Amino acid sequence: MRVFLTGATGFIGGNVARQLVAKGHDVVALVRPGADTRAIDDLDLQRVPGDLRDPSSLRGALNGCEALFHVAARYSFWVRDARAIHESNVTGTENVLEAALEAGVRKAVYTSSVAACGLPKNGTPGTEDTPVDEHLLYGHYKRSKYLAETAAWRFHQRGLPLVVVCPSTPVGEGDFKPTPTGRIIVDFLRGRMPAYVDTGLNLVDVEDVAAGHLLALEKGRPGERYILGNENMTLRDMLAALARASGRPAPRFRLPRALALAYARACETRARLIGGEPRCTVAEVRMSRHHMYFDASKAVHELGLTQTPTEQALGKAVRWFREHGYA
């Protein structure tokens, strides 16, 4: 099958590209000029230069493609200009789905995020049907993903056969940037994490997430969304698993959230003054007030989503980061 893929140079997208090529699909990858292409340099696929923010670069690019995987997104909790992340994640989604509708693709898989999913007030894991409390959309990234998915469903209403997948927190191989979660692992391996905050997240092997995309194309029902996740785990337990995988000690001190917030503000101020990205952001600390736990059973039962043990996935991430000189 000839498929059009955005985000192939990213963490999830690179793994999706690798699995598509391995299964013999004819992959057309949209690559932004100047992008870091290490994730796909060894893959046999067609590269098309373009930018999601520029509709003219997409016009005709999907012609002849039977399916679309829109994986690209700006995944960062730190932005100097909120318009930039809105243009990438929201306007970019509208542009590529418009092009897919015009090209008449048979099926589109859009990569949303659990950032756009709701959390029950009683602390139980969120599902695909849990309503979103917009007051909990901390930071520009979470809000942009919520708005982008809302926009995506409008294209489904216009006739685009759309399936939405919502990855939780992927870990594993190929995190070149690295992502915010990857930075946690790298900081741990470098001994730069003396304390932790009381929070929780849902972890999943990035290879399972990539396989979930292909399963969504094959088995996903248009008009449905699927959480691609695995194990709910406290940050403390995640760091303990990293300690077992790496041989480094896990931090023992739990940082009070007020102190973490003050540290995040100082990090952001420093980044504004001298450049670069802050090691910690206010949005991340605010999100940490809630355990971001989710239930992936719908994807497991309907799609056949694989559930690789989380400790194994973290071990793969540790080995990959070390082998590639991050730590």
C-alpha atoms as a PDB file:
ATOM      1  CA  MET A   1       0.000   0.000   0.000  1.00  0.00           C
ATOM      2  CA  ARG A   2       1.215   3.505  -0.796  1.00  0.00           C
ATOM      3  CA  VAL A   3       1.026   5.585   2.396  1.00  0.00           C
ATOM      4  CA  PHE A   4       1.786   9.208   3.170  1.00  0.00           C
ATOM      5  CA  LEU A   5       3.524   9.815   6.491  1.00  0.00           C
ATOM      6  CA  THR A   6       4.167  13.026   8.403  1.00  0.00           C
ATOM      7  CA  GLY A   7       6.500  13.182  11.387  1.00  0.00           C
ATOM      8  CA  ALA A   8       8.815  10.442  10.096  1.00  0.00           C
ATOM      9  CA  THR A   9      11.859  12.189  11.583  1.00  0.00           C
ATOM     10  CA  GLY A  10      10.377  12.152  15.093  1.00  0.00           C
ATOM     11  CA  PHE A  11      10.327   9.551  17.862  1.00  0.00           C
ATOM     12  CA  ILE A  12       6.965   7.910  17.180  1.00  0.00           C
ATOM     13  CA  GLY A  13       6.956   8.719  13.465  1.00  0.00           C
ATOM     14  CA  GLY A  14      10.400   7.248  12.936  1.00  0.00           C
ATOM     15  CA  ASN A  15       9.278   3.981  14.495  1.00  0.00           C
ATOM     16  CA  VAL A  16       6.089   4.020  12.407  1.00  0.00           C
ATOM     17  CA  ALA A  17       8.187   4.542   9.256  1.00  0.00           C
ATOM     18  CA  ARG A  18      10.465   1.650  10.193  1.00  0.00           C
ATOM     19  CA  GLN A  19       7.550  -0.747  10.680  1.00  0.00           C
ATOM     20  CA  LEU A  20       5.785   0.376   7.499  1.00  0.00           C
ATOM     21  CA  VAL A  21       8.921  -0.224   5.432  1.00  0.00           C
ATOM     22  CA  ALA A  22       9.506  -3.581   7.139  1.00  0.00           C
ATOM     23  CA  LYS A  23       6.009  -4.675   6.119  1.00  0.00           C
ATOM     24  CA  GLY A  24       6.606  -3.733   2.496  1.00  0.00           C
ATOM     25  CA  HIS A  25       4.533  -0.569   2.257  1.00  0.00           C
ATOM     26  CA  ASP A  26       5.472   2.158  -0.218  1.00  0.00           C
ATOM     27  CA  VAL A  27       6.141   5.071   2.130  1.00  0.00           C
ATOM     28  CA  VAL A  28       6.065   8.728   1.095  1.00  0.00           C
ATOM     29  CA  ALA A  29       7.454  10.808   3.969  1.00  0.00           C
ATOM     30  CA  LEU A  30       6.965  14.552   4.312  1.00  0.00           C
ATOM     31  CA  VAL A  31      10.287  15.986   5.499  1.00  0.00           C
ATOM     32  CA  ARG A  32      10.699  19.586   6.545  1.00  0.00           C
ATOM     33  CA  PRO A  33      13.811  21.234   5.027  1.00  0.00           C
ATOM     34  CA  GLY A  34      16.630  21.251   7.580  1.00  0.00           C
ATOM     35  CA  ALA A  35      15.065  18.525   9.744  1.00  0.00           C
ATOM     36  CA  ASP A  36      17.234  16.002  11.590  1.00  0.00           C
ATOM     37  CA  THR A  37      16.679  12.852   9.516  1.00  0.00           C
ATOM     38  CA  ARG A  38      18.721  10.327  11.503  1.00  0.00           C
ATOM     39  CA  ALA A  39      15.549   8.361  12.334  1.00  0.00           C
ATOM     40  CA  ILE A  40      14.992   7.473   8.670  1.00  0.00           C
ATOM     41  CA  ASP A  41      18.428   7.733   7.052  1.00  0.00           C
ATOM     42  CA  ASP A  42      18.710   3.944   6.719  1.00  0.00           C
ATOM     43  CA  LEU A  43      15.168   3.416   5.388  1.00  0.00           C
ATOM     44  CA  ASP A  44      14.095   2.861   1.806  1.00  0.00           C
ATOM     45  CA  LEU A  45      11.334   5.436   1.411  1.00  0.00           C
ATOM     46  CA  GLN A  46      10.475   8.467  -0.687  1.00  0.00           C
ATOM     47  CA  ARG A  47      11.077  11.884   0.863  1.00  0.00           C
ATOM     48  CA  VAL A  48       8.927  14.824  -0.131  1.00  0.00           C
ATOM     49  CA  PRO A  49      10.085  18.267   1.055  1.00  0.00           C
ATOM     50  CA  GLY A  50       7.352  20.336   2.652  1.00  0.00           C
ATOM     51  CA  ASP A  51       5.964  22.012   5.726  1.00  0.00           C
ATOM     52  CA  LEU A  52       2.606  21.356   7.378  1.00  0.00           C
ATOM     53  CA  ARG A  53       2.185  25.073   7.887  1.00  0.00           C
ATOM     54  CA  ASP A  54       2.405  25.655   4.117  1.00  0.00           C
ATOM     55  CA  PRO A  55      -0.639  24.224   2.303  1.00  0.00           C
ATOM     56  CA  SER A  56       0.994  24.743  -1.096  1.00  0.00           C
ATOM     57  CA  SER A  57       3.744  22.262  -0.173  1.00  0.00           C
ATOM     58  CA  LEU A  58       1.072  19.607   0.483  1.00  0.00           C
ATOM     59  CA  ARG A  59      -0.981  20.198  -2.628  1.00  0.00           C
ATOM     60  CA  GLY A  60      -0.675  17.098  -4.778  1.00  0.00           C
ATOM     61  CA  ALA A  61       1.772  15.390  -2.403  1.00  0.00           C
ATOM     62  CA  LEU A  62      -0.839  12.806  -1.376  1.00  0.00           C
ATOM     63  CA  ASN A  63      -1.945  11.972  -4.898  1.00  0.00           C
ATOM     64  CA  GLY A  64      -1.876   8.212  -5.395  1.00  0.00           C
ATOM     65  CA  CYS A  65      -1.643   7.502  -1.668  1.00  0.00           C
ATOM     66  CA  GLU A  66      -4.244   5.143  -0.263  1.00  0.00           C
ATOM     67  CA  ALA A  67      -3.651   6.000   3.393  1.00  0.00           C
ATOM     68  CA  LEU A  68      -2.349   8.806   5.578  1.00  0.00           C
ATOM     69  CA  PHE A  69      -0.532   8.663   8.894  1.00  0.00           C
ATOM     70  CA  HIS A  70      -0.420  12.162  10.367  1.00  0.00           C
ATOM     71  CA  VAL A  71       2.060  11.716  13.203  1.00  0.00           C
ATOM     72  CA  ALA A  72       3.889  15.044  13.105  1.00  0.00           C
ATOM     73  CA  ALA A  73       3.531  17.404  16.046  1.00  0.00           C
ATOM     74  CA  ARG A  74       5.654  19.811  17.977  1.00  0.00           C
ATOM     75  CA  TYR A  75       6.096  17.990  21.290  1.00  0.00           C
ATOM     76  CA  SER A  76       7.527  20.424  23.796  1.00  0.00           C
ATOM     77  CA  PHE A  77       6.368  21.975  27.048  1.00  0.00           C
ATOM     78  CA  TRP A  78       8.521  25.043  26.375  1.00  0.00           C
ATOM     79  CA  VAL A  79       7.788  27.543  23.615  1.00  0.00           C
ATOM     80  CA  ARG A  80       8.744  31.183  23.360  1.00  0.00           C
ATOM     81  CA  ASP A  81       5.905  31.904  20.950  1.00  0.00           C
ATOM     82  CA  ALA A  82       2.560  30.178  21.534  1.00  0.00           C
ATOM     83  CA  ARG A  83       1.583  30.864  17.920  1.00  0.00           C
ATOM     84  CA  ALA A  84       4.366  28.581  16.683  1.00  0.00           C
ATOM     85  CA  ILE A  85       3.043  25.488  18.453  1.00  0.00           C
ATOM     86  CA  HIS A  86      -0.531  26.321  17.423  1.00  0.00           C
ATOM     87  CA  GLU A  87       0.524  26.664  13.783  1.00  0.00           C
ATOM     88  CA  SER A  88       2.407  23.360  13.850  1.00  0.00           C
ATOM     89  CA  ASN A  89      -0.085  21.257  15.780  1.00  0.00           C
ATOM     90  CA  VAL A  90      -3.458  22.763  14.946  1.00  0.00           C
ATOM     91  CA  THR A  91      -3.110  24.589  11.626  1.00  0.00           C
ATOM     92  CA  GLY A  92      -0.725  21.892  10.369  1.00  0.00           C
ATOM     93  CA  THR A  93      -3.296  19.195  11.160  1.00  0.00           C
ATOM     94  CA  GLU A  94      -6.010  21.113   9.333  1.00  0.00           C
ATOM     95  CA  ASN A  95      -3.765  21.557   6.297  1.00  0.00           C
ATOM     96  CA  VAL A  96      -2.733  17.911   5.928  1.00  0.00           C
ATOM     97  CA  LEU A  97      -6.237  16.545   6.535  1.00  0.00           C
ATOM     98  CA  GLU A  98      -7.622  18.968   3.961  1.00  0.00           C
ATOM     99  CA  ALA A  99      -5.048  17.638   1.487  1.00  0.00           C
ATOM    100  CA  ALA A 100      -6.004  14.046   2.390  1.00  0.00           C
ATOM    101  CA  LEU A 101      -9.679  14.809   1.832  1.00  0.00           C
ATOM    102  CA  GLU A 102      -8.911  16.333  -1.578  1.00  0.00           C
ATOM    103  CA  ALA A 103      -6.724  13.339  -2.519  1.00  0.00           C
ATOM    104  CA  GLY A 104      -9.462  10.873  -1.547  1.00  0.00           C
ATOM    105  CA  VAL A 105      -7.368   8.683   0.732  1.00  0.00           C
ATOM    106  CA  ARG A 106      -9.147   5.505   1.799  1.00  0.00           C
ATOM    107  CA  LYS A 107      -8.203   5.874   5.475  1.00  0.00           C
ATOM    108  CA  ALA A 108      -6.415   8.382   7.688  1.00  0.00           C
ATOM    109  CA  VAL A 109      -4.820   7.692  11.058  1.00  0.00           C
ATOM    110  CA  TYR A 110      -4.261  10.822  13.141  1.00  0.00           C
ATOM    111  CA  THR A 111      -1.863  10.748  16.085  1.00  0.00           C
ATOM    112  CA  SER A 112      -3.431  12.690  18.913  1.00  0.00           C
ATOM    113  CA  SER A 113      -2.255  12.195  22.514  1.00  0.00           C
ATOM    114  CA  VAL A 114      -3.545  11.301  25.947  1.00  0.00           C
ATOM    115  CA  ALA A 115      -2.858  15.002  26.544  1.00  0.00           C
ATOM    116  CA  ALA A 116      -6.188  15.475  24.743  1.00  0.00           C
ATOM    117  CA  CYS A 117      -7.980  12.861  26.887  1.00  0.00           C
ATOM    118  CA  GLY A 118      -9.842  13.428  30.113  1.00  0.00           C
ATOM    119  CA  LEU A 119      -9.024  12.218  33.624  1.00  0.00           C
ATOM    120  CA  PRO A 120     -11.760  11.033  36.016  1.00  0.00           C
ATOM    121  CA  LYS A 121     -12.080  13.092  39.176  1.00  0.00           C
ATOM    122  CA  ASN A 122     -12.034   9.935  41.324  1.00  0.00           C
ATOM    123  CA  GLY A 123      -8.461   9.097  40.277  1.00  0.00           C
ATOM    124  CA  THR A 124      -9.278   6.042  38.163  1.00  0.00           C
ATOM    125  CA  PRO A 125      -7.604   5.705  34.733  1.00  0.00           C
ATOM    126  CA  GLY A 126      -9.014   7.764  31.892  1.00  0.00           C
ATOM    127  CA  THR A 127     -10.568   6.152  28.839  1.00  0.00           C
ATOM    128  CA  GLU A 128     -11.367   7.300  25.318  1.00  0.00           C
ATOM    129  CA  ASP A 129     -14.765   8.495  26.566  1.00  0.00           C
ATOM    130  CA  THR A 130     -13.676  10.437  29.668  1.00  0.00           C
ATOM    131  CA  PRO A 131     -14.722  14.096  29.246  1.00  0.00           C
ATOM    132  CA  VAL A 132     -11.934  16.661  29.114  1.00  0.00           C
ATOM    133  CA  ASP A 133     -11.742  19.354  31.784  1.00  0.00           C
ATOM    134  CA  GLU A 134     -10.258  22.270  29.850  1.00  0.00           C
ATOM    135  CA  HIS A 135      -8.950  23.763  33.109  1.00  0.00           C
ATOM    136  CA  LEU A 136      -6.494  20.838  33.242  1.00  0.00           C
ATOM    137  CA  LEU A 137      -5.019  21.547  29.796  1.00  0.00           C
ATOM    138  CA  TYR A 138      -1.819  22.955  31.260  1.00  0.00           C
ATOM    139  CA  GLY A 139       0.556  24.604  28.823  1.00  0.00           C
ATOM    140  CA  HIS A 140       0.443  25.332  25.118  1.00  0.00           C
ATOM    141  CA  TYR A 141       1.266  21.750  24.055  1.00  0.00           C
ATOM    142  CA  LYS A 142      -1.687  20.078  25.782  1.00  0.00           C
ATOM    143  CA  ARG A 143      -4.114  22.747  24.629  1.00  0.00           C
ATOM    144  CA  SER A 144      -2.826  22.547  21.052  1.00  0.00           C
ATOM    145  CA  LYS A 145      -3.282  18.761  20.931  1.00  0.00           C
ATOM    146  CA  TYR A 146      -6.830  19.093  22.259  1.00  0.00           C
ATOM    147  CA  LEU A 147      -7.659  21.732  19.649  1.00  0.00           C
ATOM    148  CA  ALA A 148      -5.956  19.722  16.898  1.00  0.00           C
ATOM    149  CA  GLU A 149      -7.991  16.609  17.628  1.00  0.00           C
ATOM    150  CA  THR A 150     -11.167  18.678  17.761  1.00  0.00           C
ATOM    151  CA  ALA A 151     -10.269  20.016  14.315  1.00  0.00           C
ATOM    152  CA  ALA A 152      -9.517  16.508  13.031  1.00  0.00           C
ATOM    153  CA  TRP A 153     -13.001  15.280  13.891  1.00  0.00           C
ATOM    154  CA  ARG A 154     -14.489  18.041  11.739  1.00  0.00           C
ATOM    155  CA  PHE A 155     -12.773  16.462   8.727  1.00  0.00           C
ATOM    156  CA  HIS A 156     -14.304  13.111   9.639  1.00  0.00           C
ATOM    157  CA  GLN A 157     -17.702  14.798   9.616  1.00  0.00           C
ATOM    158  CA  ARG A 158     -16.895  16.045   6.114  1.00  0.00           C
ATOM    159  CA  GLY A 159     -16.293  12.496   4.911  1.00  0.00           C
ATOM    160  CA  LEU A 160     -12.667  11.667   5.727  1.00  0.00           C
ATOM    161  CA  PRO A 161     -12.423   8.040   7.012  1.00  0.00           C
ATOM    162  CA  LEU A 162     -10.527   8.951  10.186  1.00  0.00           C
ATOM    163  CA  VAL A 163      -9.191   6.886  13.076  1.00  0.00           C
ATOM    164  CA  VAL A 164      -7.569   8.679  16.016  1.00  0.00           C
ATOM    165  CA  VAL A 165      -4.863   7.124  18.180  1.00  0.00           C
ATOM    166  CA  CYS A 166      -3.779   8.639  21.497  1.00  0.00           C
ATOM    167  CA  PRO A 167      -0.320   7.477  22.609  1.00  0.00           C
ATOM    168  CA  SER A 168       0.433   7.810  26.304  1.00  0.00           C
ATOM    169  CA  THR A 169       4.125   8.179  27.269  1.00  0.00           C
ATOM    170  CA  PRO A 170       6.338   6.219  24.865  1.00  0.00           C
ATOM    171  CA  VAL A 171       9.849   5.105  25.792  1.00  0.00           C
ATOM    172  CA  GLY A 172      12.384   3.028  23.912  1.00  0.00           C
ATOM    173  CA  GLU A 173      14.708   3.280  20.938  1.00  0.00           C
ATOM    174  CA  GLY A 174      15.054   6.130  18.450  1.00  0.00           C
ATOM    175  CA  ASP A 175      14.421   9.153  20.689  1.00  0.00           C
ATOM    176  CA  PHE A 176      16.972  11.349  18.934  1.00  0.00           C
ATOM    177  CA  LYS A 177      15.747  14.776  20.073  1.00  0.00           C
ATOM    178  CA  PRO A 178      15.074  13.555  22.881  1.00  0.00           C
ATOM    179  CA  THR A 179      11.423  14.014  23.908  1.00  0.00           C
ATOM    180  CA  PRO A 180      10.528  15.417  27.361  1.00  0.00           C
ATOM    181  CA  THR A 181      10.253  11.843  28.699  1.00  0.00           C
ATOM    182  CA  GLY A 182      13.528  10.930  27.042  1.00  0.00           C
ATOM    183  CA  ARG A 183      15.163  13.883  28.791  1.00  0.00           C
ATOM    184  CA  ILE A 184      14.037  12.444  32.131  1.00  0.00           C
ATOM    185  CA  ILE A 185      15.835   9.203  31.287  1.00  0.00           C
ATOM    186  CA  VAL A 186      18.949  11.010  30.053  1.00  0.00           C
ATOM    187  CA  ASP A 187      19.056  13.248  33.146  1.00  0.00           C
ATOM    188  CA  PHE A 188      18.744  10.147  35.317  1.00  0.00           C
ATOM    189  CA  LEU A 189      21.604   8.411  33.505  1.00  0.00           C
ATOM    190  CA  ARG A 190      23.767  11.533  33.841  1.00  0.00           C
ATOM    191  CA  GLY A 191      23.104  11.741  37.574  1.00  0.00           C
ATOM    192  CA  ARG A 192      21.242  15.034  37.182  1.00  0.00           C
ATOM    193  CA  MET A 193      18.064  13.993  38.975  1.00  0.00           C
ATOM    194  CA  PRO A 194      18.630  14.268  42.740  1.00  0.00           C
ATOM    195  CA  ALA A 195      14.896  14.279  43.582  1.00  0.00           C
ATOM    196  CA  TYR A 196      11.462  13.450  42.172  1.00  0.00           C
ATOM    197  CA  VAL A 197       7.920  14.752  42.483  1.00  0.00           C
ATOM    198  CA  ASP A 198       4.870  12.751  43.481  1.00  0.00           C
ATOM    199  CA  THR A 199       3.175  12.044  40.167  1.00  0.00           C
ATOM    200  CA  GLY A 200       2.329   9.180  37.850  1.00  0.00           C
ATOM    201  CA  LEU A 201       2.118   8.430  34.151  1.00  0.00           C
ATOM    202  CA  ASN A 202       1.226   5.702  31.702  1.00  0.00           C
ATOM    203  CA  LEU A 203       4.281   4.202  30.002  1.00  0.00           C
ATOM    204  CA  VAL A 204       4.380   2.208  26.768  1.00  0.00           C
ATOM    205  CA  ASP A 205       7.070   0.818  24.478  1.00  0.00           C
ATOM    206  CA  VAL A 206       7.385   3.091  21.436  1.00  0.00           C
ATOM    207  CA  GLU A 207       7.511   0.009  19.203  1.00  0.00           C
ATOM    208  CA  ASP A 208       4.086  -1.012  20.518  1.00  0.00           C
ATOM    209  CA  VAL A 209       2.833   2.505  19.780  1.00  0.00           C
ATOM    210  CA  ALA A 210       4.147   2.274  16.219  1.00  0.00           C
ATOM    211  CA  ALA A 211       2.571  -1.164  15.769  1.00  0.00           C
ATOM    212  CA  GLY A 212      -0.672   0.305  17.149  1.00  0.00           C
ATOM    213  CA  HIS A 213      -0.684   2.816  14.295  1.00  0.00           C
ATOM    214  CA  LEU A 214      -0.492   0.053  11.709  1.00  0.00           C
ATOM    215  CA  LEU A 215      -3.187  -1.882  13.556  1.00  0.00           C
ATOM    216  CA  ALA A 216      -5.382   1.230  13.548  1.00  0.00           C
ATOM    217  CA  LEU A 217      -5.050   1.370   9.762  1.00  0.00           C
ATOM    218  CA  GLU A 218      -5.893  -2.310   9.456  1.00  0.00           C
ATOM    219  CA  LYS A 219      -8.536  -2.783  12.132  1.00  0.00           C
ATOM    220  CA  GLY A 220      -9.478   0.612  13.530  1.00  0.00           C
ATOM    221  CA  ARG A 221     -13.047   1.765  13.020  1.00  0.00           C
ATOM    222  CA  PRO A 222     -13.410   5.200  11.402  1.00  0.00           C
ATOM    223  CA  GLY A 223     -14.881   7.611  13.903  1.00  0.00           C
ATOM    224  CA  GLU A 224     -13.211   5.894  16.873  1.00  0.00           C
ATOM    225  CA  ARG A 225     -10.224   6.825  19.033  1.00  0.00           C
ATOM    226  CA  TYR A 226      -7.836   4.395  20.713  1.00  0.00           C
ATOM    227  CA  ILE A 227      -5.486   4.985  23.636  1.00  0.00           C
ATOM    228  CA  LEU A 228      -2.096   3.407  22.885  1.00  0.00           C
ATOM    229  CA  GLY A 229      -0.677   2.811  26.351  1.00  0.00           C
ATOM    230  CA  ASN A 230       0.341   0.124  28.785  1.00  0.00           C
ATOM    231  CA  GLU A 231       1.331   0.406  32.451  1.00  0.00           C
ATOM    232  CA  ASN A 232       0.340   3.090  34.932  1.00  0.00           C
ATOM    233  CA  MET A 233       3.364   3.829  37.094  1.00  0.00           C
ATOM    234  CA  THR A 234       4.430   6.453  39.617  1.00  0.00           C
ATOM    235  CA  LEU A 235       7.470   8.509  38.711  1.00  0.00           C
ATOM    236  CA  ARG A 236       9.215   7.029  41.730  1.00  0.00           C
ATOM    237  CA  ASP A 237       8.599   3.489  40.425  1.00  0.00           C
ATOM    238  CA  MET A 238       9.767   4.514  36.952  1.00  0.00           C
ATOM    239  CA  LEU A 239      13.041   5.811  38.395  1.00  0.00           C
ATOM    240  CA  ALA A 240      13.439   2.605  40.401  1.00  0.00           C
ATOM    241  CA  ALA A 241      13.031   0.615  37.172  1.00  0.00           C
ATOM    242  CA  LEU A 242      15.638   2.817  35.499  1.00  0.00           C
ATOM    243  CA  ALA A 243      17.950   2.152  38.424  1.00  0.00           C
ATOM    244  CA  ARG A 244      17.612  -1.597  37.915  1.00  0.00           C
ATOM    245  CA  ALA A 245      18.211  -1.255  34.175  1.00  0.00           C
ATOM    246  CA  SER A 246      21.199   1.063  34.450  1.00  0.00           C
ATOM    247  CA  GLY A 247      22.892   0.207  37.728  1.00  0.00           C
ATOM    248  CA  ARG A 248      22.625   3.839  38.869  1.00  0.00           C
ATOM    249  CA  PRO A 249      20.965   4.727  42.190  1.00  0.00           C
ATOM    250  CA  ALA A 250      17.451   6.116  42.153  1.00  0.00           C
ATOM    251  CA  PRO A 251      16.797   9.443  43.904  1.00  0.00           C
ATOM    252  CA  ARG A 252      15.364   9.086  47.397  1.00  0.00           C
ATOM    253  CA  PHE A 253      14.220  12.636  48.097  1.00  0.00           C
ATOM    254  CA  ARG A 254      10.677  13.680  47.145  1.00  0.00           C
ATOM    255  CA  LEU A 255      10.629  17.322  46.136  1.00  0.00           C
ATOM    256  CA  PRO A 256       7.728  19.394  47.499  1.00  0.00           C
ATOM    257  CA  ARG A 257       5.642  20.686  44.602  1.00  0.00           C
ATOM    258  CA  ALA A 258       5.994  24.322  45.705  1.00  0.00           C
ATOM    259  CA  LEU A 259       9.764  23.991  45.547  1.00  0.00           C
ATOM    260  CA  ALA A 260       9.524  22.239  42.159  1.00  0.00           C
ATOM    261  CA  LEU A 261       7.381  25.105  40.855  1.00  0.00           C
ATOM    262  CA  ALA A 262       9.908  27.681  42.036  1.00  0.00           C
ATOM    263  CA  TYR A 263      12.690  25.714  40.349  1.00  0.00           C
ATOM    264  CA  ALA A 264      10.688  25.512  37.093  1.00  0.00           C
ATOM    265  CA  ARG A 265      10.126  29.263  37.092  1.00  0.00           C
ATOM    266  CA  ALA A 266      13.831  29.832  37.602  1.00  0.00           C
ATOM    267  CA  CYS A 267      14.625  27.439  34.725  1.00  0.00           C
ATOM    268  CA  GLU A 268      12.228  29.255  32.399  1.00  0.00           C
ATOM    269  CA  THR A 269      13.638  32.656  33.363  1.00  0.00           C
ATOM    270  CA  ARG A 270      17.150  31.450  32.639  1.00  0.00           C
ATOM    271  CA  ALA A 271      16.055  30.063  29.256  1.00  0.00           C
ATOM    272  CA  ARG A 272      14.463  33.373  28.308  1.00  0.00           C
ATOM    273  CA  LEU A 273      17.603  35.287  29.234  1.00  0.00           C
ATOM    274  CA  ILE A 274      20.328  33.104  27.755  1.00  0.00           C
ATOM    275  CA  GLY A 275      18.480  30.811  25.347  1.00  0.00           C
ATOM    276  CA  GLY A 276      18.082  27.055  25.159  1.00  0.00           C
ATOM    277  CA  GLU A 277      15.352  24.949  26.739  1.00  0.00           C
ATOM    278  CA  PRO A 278      14.660  24.833  30.486  1.00  0.00           C
ATOM    279  CA  ARG A 279      15.322  21.546  32.274  1.00  0.00           C
ATOM    280  CA  CYS A 280      11.909  21.860  33.912  1.00  0.00           C
ATOM    281  CA  THR A 281       8.815  23.884  32.984  1.00  0.00           C
ATOM    282  CA  VAL A 282       5.897  25.308  34.922  1.00  0.00           C
ATOM    283  CA  ALA A 283       3.469  23.344  32.735  1.00  0.00           C
ATOM    284  CA  GLU A 284       5.175  20.057  33.640  1.00  0.00           C
ATOM    285  CA  VAL A 285       5.028  20.803  37.368  1.00  0.00           C
ATOM    286  CA  ARG A 286       1.364  21.763  37.156  1.00  0.00           C
ATOM    287  CA  MET A 287       0.593  18.554  35.266  1.00  0.00           C
ATOM    288  CA  SER A 288       2.378  16.575  37.967  1.00  0.00           C
ATOM    289  CA  ARG A 289      -0.446  17.407  40.376  1.00  0.00           C
ATOM    290  CA  HIS A 290      -2.453  14.705  38.633  1.00  0.00           C
ATOM    291  CA  HIS A 291      -1.536  11.078  38.054  1.00  0.00           C
ATOM    292  CA  MET A 292      -1.850  10.755  34.271  1.00  0.00           C
ATOM    293  CA  TYR A 293      -3.219   7.216  34.332  1.00  0.00           C
ATOM    294  CA  PHE A 294      -5.057   5.744  31.350  1.00  0.00           C
ATOM    295  CA  ASP A 295      -6.755   2.521  30.291  1.00  0.00           C
ATOM    296  CA  ALA A 296      -5.613   1.057  26.948  1.00  0.00           C
ATOM    297  CA  SER A 297      -7.910  -1.986  27.043  1.00  0.00           C
ATOM    298  CA  LYS A 298      -9.960  -0.805  24.024  1.00  0.00           C
ATOM    299  CA  ALA A 299      -6.857  -0.854  21.801  1.00  0.00           C
ATOM    300  CA  VAL A 300      -5.765  -4.186  23.274  1.00  0.00           C
ATOM    301  CA  HIS A 301      -9.132  -5.860  22.638  1.00  0.00           C
ATOM    302  CA  GLU A 302     -10.126  -4.244  19.323  1.00  0.00           C
ATOM    303  CA  LEU A 303      -6.757  -3.751  17.648  1.00  0.00           C
ATOM    304  CA  GLY A 304      -4.600  -6.394  19.315  1.00  0.00           C
ATOM    305  CA  LEU A 305      -2.182  -3.818  20.767  1.00  0.00           C
ATOM    306  CA  THR A 306       0.918  -5.535  22.157  1.00  0.00           C
ATOM    307  CA  GLN A 307       1.827  -4.857  25.805  1.00  0.00           C
ATOM    308  CA  THR A 308       5.604  -5.165  26.101  1.00  0.00           C
ATOM    309  CA  PRO A 309       6.622  -5.121  29.797  1.00  0.00           C
ATOM    310  CA  THR A 310       7.408  -1.543  30.795  1.00  0.00           C
ATOM    311  CA  GLU A 311      10.640  -2.497  32.535  1.00  0.00           C
ATOM    312  CA  GLN A 312      11.810  -4.081  29.285  1.00  0.00           C
ATOM    313  CA  ALA A 313      10.948  -0.907  27.340  1.00  0.00           C
ATOM    314  CA  LEU A 314      12.845   1.255  29.841  1.00  0.00           C
ATOM    315  CA  GLY A 315      15.803  -1.103  29.549  1.00  0.00           C
ATOM    316  CA  LYS A 316      15.803  -0.653  25.778  1.00  0.00           C
ATOM    317  CA  ALA A 317      15.750   3.120  26.232  1.00  0.00           C
ATOM    318  CA  VAL A 318      18.705   2.989  28.643  1.00  0.00           C
ATOM    319  CA  ARG A 319      20.761   0.872  26.237  1.00  0.00           C
ATOM    320  CA  TRP A 320      19.872   3.052  23.237  1.00  0.00           C
ATOM    321  CA  PHE A 321      20.746   6.338  24.943  1.00  0.00           C
ATOM    322  CA  ARG A 322      24.067   4.923  26.144  1.00  0.00           C
ATOM    323  CA  GLU A 323      24.944   3.424  22.772  1.00  0.00           C
ATOM    324  CA  HIS A 324      24.248   6.743  21.060  1.00  0.00           C
ATOM    325  CA  GLY A 325      26.327   8.851  23.439  1.00  0.00           C
ATOM    326  CA  TYR A 326      23.588  10.622  25.374  1.00  0.00           C
ATOM    327  CA  ALA A 327      24.901   9.326  28.694  1.00  0.00           C
END
